PDB file of N, CA and C in Angstrom:
ATOM      1  N   UNK A   1     -25.861  15.798  28.084  1.00  0.00           N
ATOM      2  CA  UNK A   1     -27.207  15.457  27.293  1.00  0.00           C
ATOM      3  C   UNK A   1     -27.462  16.717  26.706  1.00  0.00           C
ATOM      4  N   UNK A   2     -28.019  16.707  25.325  1.00  0.00           N
ATOM      5  CA  UNK A   2     -28.631  17.684  24.503  1.00  0.00           C
ATOM      6  C   UNK A   2     -29.821  17.558  23.759  1.00  0.00           C
ATOM      7  N   UNK A   3     -30.236  18.610  23.352  1.00  0.00           N
ATOM      8  CA  UNK A   3     -31.583  18.396  22.686  1.00  0.00           C
ATOM      9  C   UNK A   3     -31.547  18.403  21.269  1.00  0.00           C
ATOM     10  N   UNK A   4     -32.158  17.388  20.563  1.00  0.00           N
ATOM     11  CA  UNK A   4     -32.100  17.225  19.199  1.00  0.00           C
ATOM     12  C   UNK A   4     -33.639  17.621  18.633  1.00  0.00           C
ATOM     13  N   UNK A   5     -33.574  18.522  17.706  1.00  0.00           N
ATOM     14  CA  UNK A   5     -34.759  18.877  17.147  1.00  0.00           C
ATOM     15  C   UNK A   5     -34.789  18.454  15.714  1.00  0.00           C
ATOM     16  N   UNK A   6     -35.649  17.754  15.170  1.00  0.00           N
ATOM     17  CA  UNK A   6     -35.725  17.279  13.775  1.00  0.00           C
ATOM     18  C   UNK A   6     -36.899  17.986  13.127  1.00  0.00           C
ATOM     19  N   UNK A   7     -36.701  18.817  12.314  1.00  0.00           N
ATOM     20  CA  UNK A   7     -37.559  19.597  11.605  1.00  0.00           C
ATOM     21  C   UNK A   7     -38.014  19.010  10.244  1.00  0.00           C
ATOM     22  N   UNK A   8     -39.393  18.951  10.027  1.00  0.00           N
ATOM     23  CA  UNK A   8     -39.880  18.758   8.789  1.00  0.00           C
ATOM     24  C   UNK A   8     -40.895  19.617   8.185  1.00  0.00           C
ATOM     25  N   UNK A   9     -41.473  19.544   7.226  1.00  0.00           N
ATOM     26  CA  UNK A   9     -42.477  20.745   6.713  1.00  0.00           C
ATOM     27  C   UNK A   9     -43.575  20.587   7.310  1.00  0.00           C
ATOM     28  N   UNK A  10     -43.848  19.592   8.075  1.00  0.00           N
ATOM     29  CA  UNK A  10     -45.245  19.540   8.895  1.00  0.00           C
ATOM     30  C   UNK A  10     -45.024  19.829  10.511  1.00  0.00           C
ATOM     31  N   UNK A  11     -43.997  19.483  10.923  1.00  0.00           N
ATOM     32  CA  UNK A  11     -43.898  19.564  12.503  1.00  0.00           C
ATOM     33  C   UNK A  11     -42.333  19.485  12.861  1.00  0.00           C
ATOM     34  N   UNK A  12     -42.156  19.732  14.085  1.00  0.00           N
ATOM     35  CA  UNK A  12     -40.659  19.462  14.774  1.00  0.00           C
ATOM     36  C   UNK A  12     -40.781  18.587  15.753  1.00  0.00           C
ATOM     37  N   UNK A  13     -39.826  17.760  15.797  1.00  0.00           N
ATOM     38  CA  UNK A  13     -39.745  16.460  16.714  1.00  0.00           C
ATOM     39  C   UNK A  13     -38.585  16.557  17.742  1.00  0.00           C
ATOM     40  N   UNK A  14     -38.863  16.632  18.965  1.00  0.00           N
ATOM     41  CA  UNK A  14     -37.938  16.870  20.082  1.00  0.00           C
ATOM     42  C   UNK A  14     -37.471  15.535  20.687  1.00  0.00           C
ATOM     43  N   UNK A  15     -36.104  15.311  20.806  1.00  0.00           N
ATOM     44  CA  UNK A  15     -35.472  14.164  21.634  1.00  0.00           C
ATOM     45  C   UNK A  15     -34.461  14.653  22.455  1.00  0.00           C
ATOM     46  N   UNK A  16     -34.278  13.881  23.569  1.00  0.00           N
ATOM     47  CA  UNK A  16     -33.114  14.097  24.272  1.00  0.00           C
ATOM     48  C   UNK A  16     -31.940  13.155  24.104  1.00  0.00           C
ATOM     49  N   UNK A  17     -30.682  13.580  23.658  1.00  0.00           N
ATOM     50  CA  UNK A  17     -29.660  12.766  23.294  1.00  0.00           C
ATOM     51  C   UNK A  17     -28.601  12.715  24.321  1.00  0.00           C
ATOM     52  N   UNK A  18     -27.946  11.660  24.535  1.00  0.00           N
ATOM     53  CA  UNK A  18     -26.783  11.478  25.222  1.00  0.00           C
ATOM     54  C   UNK A  18     -25.599  10.699  24.401  1.00  0.00           C
ATOM     55  N   UNK A  19     -24.538  11.577  24.424  1.00  0.00           N
ATOM     56  CA  UNK A  19     -23.341  11.094  23.396  1.00  0.00           C
ATOM     57  C   UNK A  19     -22.439  10.021  24.520  1.00  0.00           C
ATOM     58  N   UNK A  20     -22.194   8.849  23.965  1.00  0.00           N
ATOM     59  CA  UNK A  20     -21.321   7.936  24.681  1.00  0.00           C
ATOM     60  C   UNK A  20     -20.226   7.348  23.822  1.00  0.00           C
ATOM     61  N   UNK A  21     -19.287   6.712  24.477  1.00  0.00           N
ATOM     62  CA  UNK A  21     -18.295   5.915  23.832  1.00  0.00           C
ATOM     63  C   UNK A  21     -18.419   4.484  24.034  1.00  0.00           C
ATOM     64  N   UNK A  22     -18.412   3.819  22.860  1.00  0.00           N
ATOM     65  CA  UNK A  22     -18.560   2.358  23.139  1.00  0.00           C
ATOM     66  C   UNK A  22     -17.225   1.718  22.201  1.00  0.00           C
ATOM     67  N   UNK A  23     -16.371   0.874  23.003  1.00  0.00           N
ATOM     68  CA  UNK A  23     -15.228   0.468  22.286  1.00  0.00           C
ATOM     69  C   UNK A  23     -14.438   1.355  21.621  1.00  0.00           C
ATOM     70  N   UNK A  24     -14.286   2.597  22.132  1.00  0.00           N
ATOM     71  CA  UNK A  24     -13.444   3.806  21.532  1.00  0.00           C
ATOM     72  C   UNK A  24     -14.097   4.314  20.394  1.00  0.00           C
ATOM     73  N   UNK A  25     -15.400   3.998  19.974  1.00  0.00           N
ATOM     74  CA  UNK A  25     -16.123   4.828  19.112  1.00  0.00           C
ATOM     75  C   UNK A  25     -17.147   5.897  19.659  1.00  0.00           C
ATOM     76  N   UNK A  26     -17.329   6.960  19.124  1.00  0.00           N
ATOM     77  CA  UNK A  26     -18.496   7.716  19.826  1.00  0.00           C
ATOM     78  C   UNK A  26     -19.770   7.340  19.069  1.00  0.00           C
ATOM     79  N   UNK A  27     -20.795   7.417  19.808  1.00  0.00           N
ATOM     80  CA  UNK A  27     -22.102   7.143  19.316  1.00  0.00           C
ATOM     81  C   UNK A  27     -23.144   7.928  20.288  1.00  0.00           C
ATOM     82  N   UNK A  28     -24.376   7.883  19.929  1.00  0.00           N
ATOM     83  CA  UNK A  28     -25.384   8.678  20.833  1.00  0.00           C
ATOM     84  C   UNK A  28     -26.487   7.754  20.944  1.00  0.00           C
ATOM     85  N   UNK A  29     -27.257   7.896  22.211  1.00  0.00           N
ATOM     86  CA  UNK A  29     -28.341   7.262  22.749  1.00  0.00           C
ATOM     87  C   UNK A  29     -29.595   8.174  22.986  1.00  0.00           C
ATOM     88  N   UNK A  30     -30.523   7.688  22.566  1.00  0.00           N
ATOM     89  CA  UNK A  30     -31.660   8.503  22.828  1.00  0.00           C
ATOM     90  C   UNK A  30     -32.178   8.215  24.189  1.00  0.00           C
ATOM     91  N   UNK A  31     -32.359   9.341  25.169  1.00  0.00           N
ATOM     92  CA  UNK A  31     -32.585   9.088  26.317  1.00  0.00           C
ATOM     93  C   UNK A  31     -34.169   9.289  26.798  1.00  0.00           C
ATOM     94  N   UNK A  32     -34.801  10.210  26.043  1.00  0.00           N
ATOM     95  CA  UNK A  32     -36.163  10.406  26.011  1.00  0.00           C
ATOM     96  C   UNK A  32     -36.603  10.963  24.857  1.00  0.00           C
ATOM     97  N   UNK A  33     -37.702  10.686  24.118  1.00  0.00           N
ATOM     98  CA  UNK A  33     -38.485  11.339  23.148  1.00  0.00           C
ATOM     99  C   UNK A  33     -39.485  12.246  23.557  1.00  0.00           C
ATOM    100  N   UNK A  34     -39.598  13.299  23.456  1.00  0.00           N
ATOM    101  CA  UNK A  34     -40.404  14.444  23.926  1.00  0.00           C
ATOM    102  C   UNK A  34     -41.722  14.453  23.053  1.00  0.00           C
ATOM    103  N   UNK A  35     -41.604  14.129  21.897  1.00  0.00           N
ATOM    104  CA  UNK A  35     -42.691  14.112  20.951  1.00  0.00           C
ATOM    105  C   UNK A  35     -42.702  15.429  19.961  1.00  0.00           C
ATOM    106  N   UNK A  36     -43.688  15.558  19.370  1.00  0.00           N
ATOM    107  CA  UNK A  36     -43.561  16.685  18.420  1.00  0.00           C
ATOM    108  C   UNK A  36     -43.942  18.063  19.014  1.00  0.00           C
ATOM    109  N   UNK A  37     -44.072  19.137  17.992  1.00  0.00           N
ATOM    110  CA  UNK A  37     -44.269  20.320  18.709  1.00  0.00           C
ATOM    111  C   UNK A  37     -45.536  20.696  19.585  1.00  0.00           C
ATOM    112  N   UNK A  38     -46.569  19.936  19.096  1.00  0.00           N
ATOM    113  CA  UNK A  38     -47.897  20.156  19.746  1.00  0.00           C
ATOM    114  C   UNK A  38     -47.738  19.549  21.147  1.00  0.00           C
ATOM    115  N   UNK A  39     -47.191  18.251  21.157  1.00  0.00           N
ATOM    116  CA  UNK A  39     -47.104  17.736  22.553  1.00  0.00           C
ATOM    117  C   UNK A  39     -46.115  18.536  23.436  1.00  0.00           C
ATOM    118  N   UNK A  40     -45.035  18.976  22.872  1.00  0.00           N
ATOM    119  CA  UNK A  40     -44.208  19.875  23.858  1.00  0.00           C
ATOM    120  C   UNK A  40     -44.896  21.064  24.277  1.00  0.00           C
ATOM    121  N   UNK A  41     -45.670  21.563  23.374  1.00  0.00           N
ATOM    122  CA  UNK A  41     -46.290  22.943  23.880  1.00  0.00           C
ATOM    123  C   UNK A  41     -47.385  22.669  24.913  1.00  0.00           C
ATOM    124  N   UNK A  42     -47.987  21.449  25.020  1.00  0.00           N
ATOM    125  CA  UNK A  42     -48.742  21.192  26.051  1.00  0.00           C
ATOM    126  C   UNK A  42     -48.083  20.738  27.244  1.00  0.00           C
ATOM    127  N   UNK A  43     -46.997  20.193  27.342  1.00  0.00           N
ATOM    128  CA  UNK A  43     -46.208  19.682  28.396  1.00  0.00           C
ATOM    129  C   UNK A  43     -45.559  21.151  28.971  1.00  0.00           C
ATOM    130  N   UNK A  44     -45.263  22.135  28.136  1.00  0.00           N
ATOM    131  CA  UNK A  44     -44.519  23.316  28.553  1.00  0.00           C
ATOM    132  C   UNK A  44     -45.294  24.221  29.391  1.00  0.00           C
ATOM    133  N   UNK A  45     -46.617  24.160  29.416  1.00  0.00           N
ATOM    134  CA  UNK A  45     -47.564  25.096  30.170  1.00  0.00           C
ATOM    135  C   UNK A  45     -47.390  26.505  30.001  1.00  0.00           C
ATOM    136  N   UNK A  46     -47.398  26.840  28.655  1.00  0.00           N
ATOM    137  CA  UNK A  46     -47.355  28.254  28.393  1.00  0.00           C
ATOM    138  C   UNK A  46     -45.964  28.737  28.230  1.00  0.00           C
ATOM    139  N   UNK A  47     -44.811  27.964  28.611  1.00  0.00           N
ATOM    140  CA  UNK A  47     -43.479  28.492  28.234  1.00  0.00           C
ATOM    141  C   UNK A  47     -43.198  28.256  26.913  1.00  0.00           C
ATOM    142  N   UNK A  48     -42.075  28.931  26.471  1.00  0.00           N
ATOM    143  CA  UNK A  48     -41.493  28.583  25.159  1.00  0.00           C
ATOM    144  C   UNK A  48     -41.137  27.110  24.932  1.00  0.00           C
ATOM    145  N   UNK A  49     -41.588  26.378  24.014  1.00  0.00           N
ATOM    146  CA  UNK A  49     -41.234  24.998  23.813  1.00  0.00           C
ATOM    147  C   UNK A  49     -39.856  24.553  23.737  1.00  0.00           C
ATOM    148  N   UNK A  50     -39.066  25.394  22.956  1.00  0.00           N
ATOM    149  CA  UNK A  50     -37.685  25.181  22.961  1.00  0.00           C
ATOM    150  C   UNK A  50     -36.844  25.524  24.215  1.00  0.00           C
ATOM    151  N   UNK A  51     -37.129  26.534  24.859  1.00  0.00           N
ATOM    152  CA  UNK A  51     -36.484  26.842  26.227  1.00  0.00           C
ATOM    153  C   UNK A  51     -36.952  25.594  27.111  1.00  0.00           C
ATOM    154  N   UNK A  52     -38.127  25.253  27.189  1.00  0.00           N
ATOM    155  CA  UNK A  52     -38.579  24.189  28.221  1.00  0.00           C
ATOM    156  C   UNK A  52     -37.844  22.829  27.809  1.00  0.00           C
ATOM    157  N   UNK A  53     -37.677  22.433  26.560  1.00  0.00           N
ATOM    158  CA  UNK A  53     -37.065  21.239  26.134  1.00  0.00           C
ATOM    159  C   UNK A  53     -35.479  21.383  26.611  1.00  0.00           C
ATOM    160  N   UNK A  54     -34.800  22.438  26.260  1.00  0.00           N
ATOM    161  CA  UNK A  54     -33.503  22.655  26.538  1.00  0.00           C
ATOM    162  C   UNK A  54     -33.152  22.468  28.295  1.00  0.00           C
ATOM    163  N   UNK A  55     -34.151  23.260  29.005  1.00  0.00           N
ATOM    164  CA  UNK A  55     -34.043  22.907  30.434  1.00  0.00           C
ATOM    165  C   UNK A  55     -34.366  21.563  30.761  1.00  0.00           C
ATOM    166  N   UNK A  56     -35.196  20.807  30.161  1.00  0.00           N
ATOM    167  CA  UNK A  56     -35.394  19.275  30.629  1.00  0.00           C
ATOM    168  C   UNK A  56     -34.218  18.551  30.148  1.00  0.00           C
ATOM    169  N   UNK A  57     -33.427  18.970  29.184  1.00  0.00           N
ATOM    170  CA  UNK A  57     -32.375  18.105  28.746  1.00  0.00           C
ATOM    171  C   UNK A  57     -31.324  18.177  29.780  1.00  0.00           C
ATOM    172  N   UNK A  58     -31.191  19.414  30.399  1.00  0.00           N
ATOM    173  CA  UNK A  58     -30.102  19.665  31.535  1.00  0.00           C
ATOM    174  C   UNK A  58     -30.234  18.657  32.540  1.00  0.00           C
TER     175      UNK A  58
END
């Protein structure tokens, strides 16, 4: 699993993605939506939000 960060001019959005194969084709599935940057900062409890999200994806 890996972390996907979608950046816009207003905020960043964090998702945990899993790569899978379906009928010989590669695709990805969203395992968990962590929310925008402000939400992840609250969940991280003082840690760096990017590092916290990467650890959660492991």
